[in-house]
């Protein structure tokens, strides 16, 4: 048994009580009442259908599914003494040897390399922290988009499935995002994003707008408010008036036995196909999984940059003196 400071235990118990108090009003809401509210004010709850072999064969013969994900890891200490590595992977479902990787790195120790990226910041006189965050977000989003574009060029898939919301690419690397969007529209390739980490608050905003809850409950995320509301195999299609005009259309789905939902967004220009694509996501997701398509989980595992991999790469390709001088935090040198 770990020897844990008593005050830490007390603080965590306090946190548990605070969160229970904050969420009590929502937890006490009858799920039928919440479903009625959602159906009335937010969107349309429908039942998903598993695609049959004929539909799946049609997708396969049209190029299959290209799943795309990215990973990052970091070694070092506080700014500027760190290196961050980025890796993106696009993997096609119709080819055995289809892995297509994109990689990059970032360190403030050689900031001159990032001049072109920094020119893309729209804010005047950004702080050092803002520039640092912008570069890191831009690089990770960009390698995923680049992997997707090169995967399209090589495999000509029927569907491109990104691990994460498409709005992230629009925000963090808008220039590359526009290229990907244009290519998919020109080639009639379906483009969708799948996310477990839902950060929208469409339902909370509507609850607050109608004064059905008081602050801070109207700021709750849809991830929390949708927990356990949809049945397995159901989809919530969001009404147009509840979606910000970002060129994307969205829905929530419960694709596994887990009570949480996933978010799916597609290009507005492909909105008429949202049910077909939602059914594809549902079909590719194991019933007892965390709720995302198996093909995305496979890519997620293969693209991951582990701590062990990071240390091995640094030990092999960066001079020991540079590591000691620039990247190994003093706390790791302690003997006690």
Protein backbone atom coordinates (compact mmCIF):
# COMPACT_ATOMS: atom_id res chain seq x y z
CA UNK A 1 0.00 0.00 0.00
CA UNK A 2 1.39 3.39 -0.97
CA UNK A 3 2.13 5.80 1.88
CA UNK A 4 -0.07 8.70 0.78
CA UNK A 5 -0.23 12.00 2.61
CA UNK A 6 -3.53 12.27 4.51
CA UNK A 7 -4.15 15.81 3.22
CA UNK A 8 -4.05 14.56 -0.38
CA UNK A 9 -6.79 12.06 0.44
CA UNK A 10 -8.86 14.81 2.06
CA UNK A 11 -8.45 17.10 -0.95
CA UNK A 12 -9.59 14.39 -3.36
CA UNK A 13 -12.60 13.64 -1.17
CA UNK A 14 -13.40 17.35 -1.25
CA UNK A 15 -13.15 17.34 -5.05
CA UNK A 16 -15.46 14.33 -5.22
CA UNK A 17 -18.08 16.15 -3.12
CA UNK A 18 -17.78 19.36 -5.17
CA UNK A 19 -18.27 17.53 -8.48
CA UNK A 20 -21.21 15.56 -7.13
CA UNK A 21 -22.81 18.80 -5.96
CA UNK A 22 -22.25 20.54 -9.29
CA UNK A 23 -23.67 17.68 -11.36
CA UNK A 24 -26.52 16.71 -9.02
CA UNK A 25 -29.14 18.75 -10.88
CA UNK A 26 -28.26 17.06 -14.13
CA UNK A 27 -27.97 13.60 -12.60
CA UNK A 28 -31.45 14.01 -11.12
CA UNK A 29 -32.99 14.80 -14.51
CA UNK A 30 -35.08 11.90 -15.77
CA UNK A 31 -33.53 10.49 -18.96
CA UNK A 32 -36.94 10.47 -20.66
CA UNK A 33 -37.34 14.18 -19.90
CA UNK A 34 -33.87 14.89 -21.29
CA UNK A 35 -34.64 12.89 -24.45
CA UNK A 36 -37.85 14.88 -24.87
CA UNK A 37 -35.98 18.16 -24.44
CA UNK A 38 -33.31 17.09 -26.94
CA UNK A 39 -35.87 15.90 -29.49
CA UNK A 40 -37.81 19.16 -29.14
CA UNK A 41 -35.00 21.71 -29.10
CA UNK A 42 -31.74 20.14 -30.31
CA UNK A 43 -32.29 17.65 -33.11
CA UNK A 44 -33.77 14.34 -34.25
CA UNK A 45 -33.12 10.98 -32.57
CA UNK A 46 -33.11 8.13 -35.07
CA UNK A 47 -32.04 4.49 -35.17
CA UNK A 48 -28.82 3.51 -36.93
CA UNK A 49 -28.53 0.51 -39.24
CA UNK A 50 -25.63 -1.85 -39.79
CA UNK A 51 -24.47 -1.87 -43.40
CA UNK A 52 -24.97 -5.19 -45.17
CA UNK A 53 -22.28 -7.02 -47.14
CA UNK A 54 -23.41 -5.43 -50.41
CA UNK A 55 -22.91 -1.90 -49.05
CA UNK A 56 -19.57 -2.79 -47.46
CA UNK A 57 -18.37 -4.43 -50.69
CA UNK A 58 -19.35 -1.30 -52.61
CA UNK A 59 -17.24 0.86 -50.26
CA UNK A 60 -14.34 -1.62 -50.46
CA UNK A 61 -14.38 -1.71 -54.25
CA UNK A 62 -14.58 2.11 -54.35
CA UNK A 63 -11.27 2.41 -52.45
CA UNK A 64 -12.15 1.50 -48.88
CA UNK A 65 -11.63 3.59 -45.75
CA UNK A 66 -8.53 5.68 -45.11
CA UNK A 67 -8.17 6.17 -41.36
CA UNK A 68 -5.89 8.98 -40.14
CA UNK A 69 -4.50 9.78 -36.70
CA UNK A 70 -1.57 11.60 -35.16
CA UNK A 71 0.60 11.35 -32.08
CA UNK A 72 3.08 13.50 -30.21
CA UNK A 73 5.53 13.11 -27.37
CA UNK A 74 8.02 15.34 -25.65
CA UNK A 75 11.34 15.08 -23.91
CA UNK A 76 12.99 17.79 -21.86
CA UNK A 77 12.01 20.32 -19.25
CA UNK A 78 10.55 23.81 -19.17
CA UNK A 79 10.62 26.22 -22.13
CA UNK A 80 12.82 26.35 -24.19
CA UNK A 81 14.65 23.15 -23.24
CA UNK A 82 12.47 20.48 -24.83
CA UNK A 83 11.93 18.65 -28.11
CA UNK A 84 8.49 17.54 -29.28
CA UNK A 85 8.09 14.86 -31.95
CA UNK A 86 5.01 14.49 -34.16
CA UNK A 87 3.89 11.50 -36.20
CA UNK A 88 0.86 11.14 -38.46
CA UNK A 89 -0.37 7.91 -40.01
CA UNK A 90 -2.83 7.22 -42.84
CA UNK A 91 -3.82 3.58 -43.27
CA UNK A 92 -6.09 2.18 -46.00
CA UNK A 93 -8.46 -0.70 -45.28
CA UNK A 94 -8.05 -2.34 -48.69
CA UNK A 95 -4.25 -2.65 -48.69
CA UNK A 96 -2.14 -4.88 -46.43
CA UNK A 97 0.95 -2.68 -46.67
CA UNK A 98 -0.70 0.70 -46.64
CA UNK A 99 0.99 2.60 -43.81
CA UNK A 100 1.84 6.13 -44.85
CA UNK A 101 3.67 8.17 -42.19
CA UNK A 102 4.35 11.90 -41.88
CA UNK A 103 6.72 13.19 -39.18
CA UNK A 104 8.06 16.46 -37.80
CA UNK A 105 9.69 17.97 -34.70
CA UNK A 106 9.66 21.23 -32.77
CA UNK A 107 12.01 22.79 -30.28
CA UNK A 108 12.21 26.46 -29.23
CA UNK A 109 15.99 25.92 -29.14
CA UNK A 110 15.90 26.31 -32.92
CA UNK A 111 12.93 28.60 -33.39
CA UNK A 112 14.32 29.98 -36.66
CA UNK A 113 12.97 26.85 -38.35
CA UNK A 114 9.40 27.91 -37.60
CA UNK A 115 9.37 31.38 -39.18
CA UNK A 116 6.93 30.44 -41.93
CA UNK A 117 4.50 28.92 -39.46
CA UNK A 118 4.70 31.93 -37.15
CA UNK A 119 3.72 34.19 -40.07
CA UNK A 120 0.33 32.45 -40.04
CA UNK A 121 -0.58 33.79 -36.59
CA UNK A 122 -3.35 36.34 -37.05
CA UNK A 123 -3.08 37.96 -33.62
CA UNK A 124 -0.88 41.05 -33.38
CA UNK A 125 2.05 40.86 -30.96
CA UNK A 126 1.38 37.34 -29.67
CA UNK A 127 3.09 36.33 -26.44
CA UNK A 128 5.83 33.73 -26.32
CA UNK A 129 3.38 31.21 -24.87
CA UNK A 130 0.87 31.91 -27.65
CA UNK A 131 3.51 31.44 -30.35
CA UNK A 132 4.71 28.22 -28.73
CA UNK A 133 1.17 26.80 -28.51
CA UNK A 134 0.35 27.85 -32.08
CA UNK A 135 3.40 26.11 -33.54
CA UNK A 136 2.77 22.88 -31.61
CA UNK A 137 -0.93 22.74 -32.56
CA UNK A 138 -0.19 23.64 -36.19
CA UNK A 139 2.44 20.94 -36.57
CA UNK A 140 0.36 18.09 -35.16
CA UNK A 141 -2.75 19.04 -37.13
CA UNK A 142 -0.71 19.58 -40.31
CA UNK A 143 1.02 16.19 -40.30
CA UNK A 144 -2.37 14.51 -39.95
CA UNK A 145 -3.77 16.52 -42.86
CA UNK A 146 -0.64 15.86 -44.95
CA UNK A 147 -0.90 12.14 -44.21
CA UNK A 148 -4.54 12.23 -45.32
CA UNK A 149 -3.70 14.08 -48.56
CA UNK A 150 -0.86 11.71 -49.45
CA UNK A 151 -3.09 8.76 -48.56
CA UNK A 152 -5.72 10.07 -50.96
CA UNK A 153 -3.13 10.48 -53.70
CA UNK A 154 -1.81 6.94 -53.21
CA UNK A 155 -4.97 4.92 -52.46
CA UNK A 156 -7.90 6.99 -53.80
CA UNK A 157 -10.20 5.88 -50.95
CA UNK A 158 -13.97 6.09 -50.81
CA UNK A 159 -13.93 7.52 -47.25
CA UNK A 160 -11.36 9.47 -45.22
CA UNK A 161 -11.95 9.05 -41.50
CA UNK A 162 -10.01 11.41 -39.21
CA UNK A 163 -9.54 10.61 -35.52
CA UNK A 164 -10.88 13.85 -34.04
CA UNK A 165 -13.24 16.64 -34.96
CA UNK A 166 -12.73 18.30 -38.34
CA UNK A 167 -13.14 21.74 -36.75
CA UNK A 168 -9.73 21.28 -35.12
CA UNK A 169 -8.00 21.22 -38.52
CA UNK A 170 -9.95 24.24 -39.69
CA UNK A 171 -8.81 26.18 -36.61
CA UNK A 172 -5.23 24.96 -36.19
CA UNK A 173 -4.00 24.62 -39.80
CA UNK A 174 -6.58 26.37 -41.95
CA UNK A 175 -4.38 26.54 -45.06
CA UNK A 176 -3.73 22.79 -45.16
CA UNK A 177 -7.32 22.07 -44.13
CA UNK A 178 -8.63 23.97 -47.14
CA UNK A 179 -6.43 21.82 -49.40
CA UNK A 180 -7.77 18.60 -47.91
CA UNK A 181 -11.37 19.83 -48.08
CA UNK A 182 -11.01 20.88 -51.73
CA UNK A 183 -9.40 17.58 -52.74
CA UNK A 184 -12.15 15.52 -51.11
CA UNK A 185 -14.89 17.61 -52.70
CA UNK A 186 -13.24 17.51 -56.14
CA UNK A 187 -12.72 13.73 -55.99
CA UNK A 188 -16.11 12.98 -54.37
CA UNK A 189 -14.38 11.40 -51.37
CA UNK A 190 -16.34 11.40 -48.12
CA UNK A 191 -14.50 13.22 -45.31
CA UNK A 192 -15.52 12.81 -41.69
CA UNK A 193 -14.12 13.29 -38.21
CA UNK A 194 -14.84 10.95 -35.30
CA UNK A 195 -14.24 12.08 -31.72
CA UNK A 196 -14.77 10.79 -28.20
CA UNK A 197 -13.47 14.01 -26.66
CA UNK A 198 -16.57 16.11 -27.33
CA UNK A 199 -16.08 19.79 -26.45
CA UNK A 200 -19.31 21.31 -27.79
CA UNK A 201 -22.03 22.61 -25.47
CA UNK A 202 -25.03 22.80 -27.79
CA UNK A 203 -27.44 21.30 -25.24
CA UNK A 204 -26.12 23.35 -22.31
CA UNK A 205 -26.43 26.56 -24.30
CA UNK A 206 -30.04 25.76 -25.17
CA UNK A 207 -30.84 24.88 -21.54
CA UNK A 208 -29.40 28.23 -20.46
CA UNK A 209 -31.12 30.12 -23.27
CA UNK A 210 -34.48 28.74 -22.16
CA UNK A 211 -33.55 29.41 -18.50
CA UNK A 212 -34.08 25.76 -17.61
CA UNK A 213 -30.79 25.62 -15.68
CA UNK A 214 -28.74 28.28 -13.94
CA UNK A 215 -25.01 28.99 -14.33
CA UNK A 216 -22.65 27.19 -14.31
CA UNK A 217 -24.75 24.25 -15.54
CA UNK A 218 -25.40 25.86 -18.92
CA UNK A 219 -21.65 25.55 -19.60
CA UNK A 220 -21.66 21.76 -19.33
CA UNK A 221 -20.37 19.92 -22.36
CA UNK A 222 -22.58 17.73 -24.55
CA UNK A 223 -20.33 14.81 -23.58
CA UNK A 224 -21.69 15.03 -20.02
CA UNK A 225 -25.29 15.88 -20.85
CA UNK A 226 -25.60 13.07 -23.43
CA UNK A 227 -24.17 10.42 -21.09
CA UNK A 228 -26.61 7.51 -20.98
CA UNK A 229 -29.32 9.37 -22.95
CA UNK A 230 -29.06 7.61 -26.30
CA UNK A 231 -29.67 3.88 -26.59
CA UNK A 232 -27.12 1.65 -28.29
CA UNK A 233 -27.49 2.16 -32.05
CA UNK A 234 -29.09 5.61 -31.89
CA UNK A 235 -28.03 8.88 -33.52
CA UNK A 236 -28.87 12.48 -32.73
CA UNK A 237 -28.90 14.62 -35.88
CA UNK A 238 -28.40 18.28 -34.89
CA UNK A 239 -30.79 20.90 -36.28
CA UNK A 240 -29.13 23.47 -38.53
CA UNK A 241 -29.99 26.36 -36.22
CA UNK A 242 -27.99 24.76 -33.40
CA UNK A 243 -24.80 24.37 -35.42
CA UNK A 244 -22.25 27.16 -35.86
CA UNK A 245 -21.69 27.93 -39.54
CA UNK A 246 -18.23 26.41 -40.01
CA UNK A 247 -18.90 24.49 -43.21
CA UNK A 248 -19.51 21.32 -41.17
CA UNK A 249 -22.53 19.25 -40.14
CA UNK A 250 -22.56 17.25 -36.92
CA UNK A 251 -24.26 14.42 -35.08
CA UNK A 252 -23.90 12.43 -31.88
CA UNK A 253 -24.04 8.63 -31.86
CA UNK A 254 -23.96 5.77 -29.40
CA UNK A 255 -22.10 3.10 -31.29
CA UNK A 256 -21.25 0.69 -28.45
CA UNK A 257 -22.64 -0.57 -25.16
CA UNK A 258 -20.65 2.13 -23.34
CA UNK A 259 -23.10 4.84 -22.16
CA UNK A 260 -21.07 7.71 -23.62
CA UNK A 261 -21.57 9.07 -27.13
CA UNK A 262 -19.16 9.96 -29.93
CA UNK A 263 -19.31 13.00 -32.16
CA UNK A 264 -19.14 12.80 -35.95
CA UNK A 265 -18.81 15.77 -38.29
CA UNK A 266 -18.74 15.90 -42.07
CA UNK A 267 -18.49 18.57 -44.74
CA UNK A 268 -21.71 20.53 -45.20
CA UNK A 269 -21.36 19.90 -48.93
CA UNK A 270 -21.71 16.15 -48.14
CA UNK A 271 -24.48 16.56 -45.55
CA UNK A 272 -27.00 14.55 -47.56
CA UNK A 273 -24.83 11.47 -46.93
CA UNK A 274 -24.62 11.87 -43.14
CA UNK A 275 -26.88 8.89 -42.37
CA UNK A 276 -24.94 6.63 -44.72
CA UNK A 277 -21.63 7.66 -43.14
CA UNK A 278 -23.05 7.35 -39.62
CA UNK A 279 -24.18 3.81 -40.44
CA UNK A 280 -20.66 3.05 -41.67
CA UNK A 281 -19.13 4.29 -38.40
CA UNK A 282 -21.69 2.20 -36.49
CA UNK A 283 -20.93 -0.89 -38.57
CA UNK A 284 -17.16 -0.60 -38.08
CA UNK A 285 -17.40 -0.15 -34.30
CA UNK A 286 -17.32 -3.26 -32.07
CA UNK A 287 -20.29 -3.49 -29.71
CA UNK A 288 -18.13 -3.83 -26.58
CA UNK A 289 -15.52 -1.23 -27.51
CA UNK A 290 -14.94 2.36 -26.39
CA UNK A 291 -17.20 3.51 -29.23
CA UNK A 292 -14.94 4.36 -32.16
CA UNK A 293 -14.39 2.31 -35.34
CA UNK A 294 -11.88 -0.52 -34.97
CA UNK A 295 -9.87 0.80 -37.94
CA UNK A 296 -9.26 4.08 -36.08
CA UNK A 297 -8.21 2.19 -32.94
CA UNK A 298 -5.69 0.22 -35.00
CA UNK A 299 -4.22 3.41 -36.48
CA UNK A 300 -4.17 5.03 -33.04
CA UNK A 301 -2.06 2.18 -31.68
CA UNK A 302 0.35 2.08 -34.62
CA UNK A 303 0.99 5.83 -34.74
CA UNK A 304 1.63 6.29 -31.02
CA UNK A 305 5.03 7.66 -29.97
CA UNK A 306 5.66 5.96 -26.63
CA UNK A 307 7.98 7.24 -23.88
CA UNK A 308 10.25 4.26 -24.51
CA UNK A 309 10.42 5.02 -28.22
CA UNK A 310 11.13 8.68 -27.48
CA UNK A 311 14.02 7.87 -25.16
CA UNK A 312 15.47 5.33 -27.59
CA UNK A 313 15.38 7.81 -30.49
CA UNK A 314 16.99 10.56 -28.45
CA UNK A 315 19.74 8.26 -27.13
CA UNK A 316 20.54 7.03 -30.64
CA UNK A 317 20.32 10.19 -32.74
CA UNK A 318 21.10 13.11 -30.42
CA UNK A 319 24.62 13.53 -29.03
CA UNK A 320 24.87 12.64 -25.36
CA UNK A 321 26.45 16.00 -24.53
CA UNK A 322 23.54 17.86 -26.14
CA UNK A 323 21.04 15.72 -24.26
CA UNK A 324 22.77 16.37 -20.95
CA UNK A 325 23.21 20.06 -21.57
CA UNK A 326 19.88 20.94 -23.16
CA UNK A 327 17.18 18.34 -22.74
CA UNK A 328 17.51 16.26 -19.60
CA UNK A 329 15.76 18.04 -16.70
CA UNK A 330 17.83 18.44 -13.56
CA UNK A 331 15.25 16.52 -11.55
CA UNK A 332 16.01 13.39 -13.60
CA UNK A 333 19.65 13.63 -12.58
CA UNK A 334 18.84 13.43 -8.90
CA UNK A 335 20.14 10.35 -7.09
CA UNK A 336 17.50 10.28 -4.33
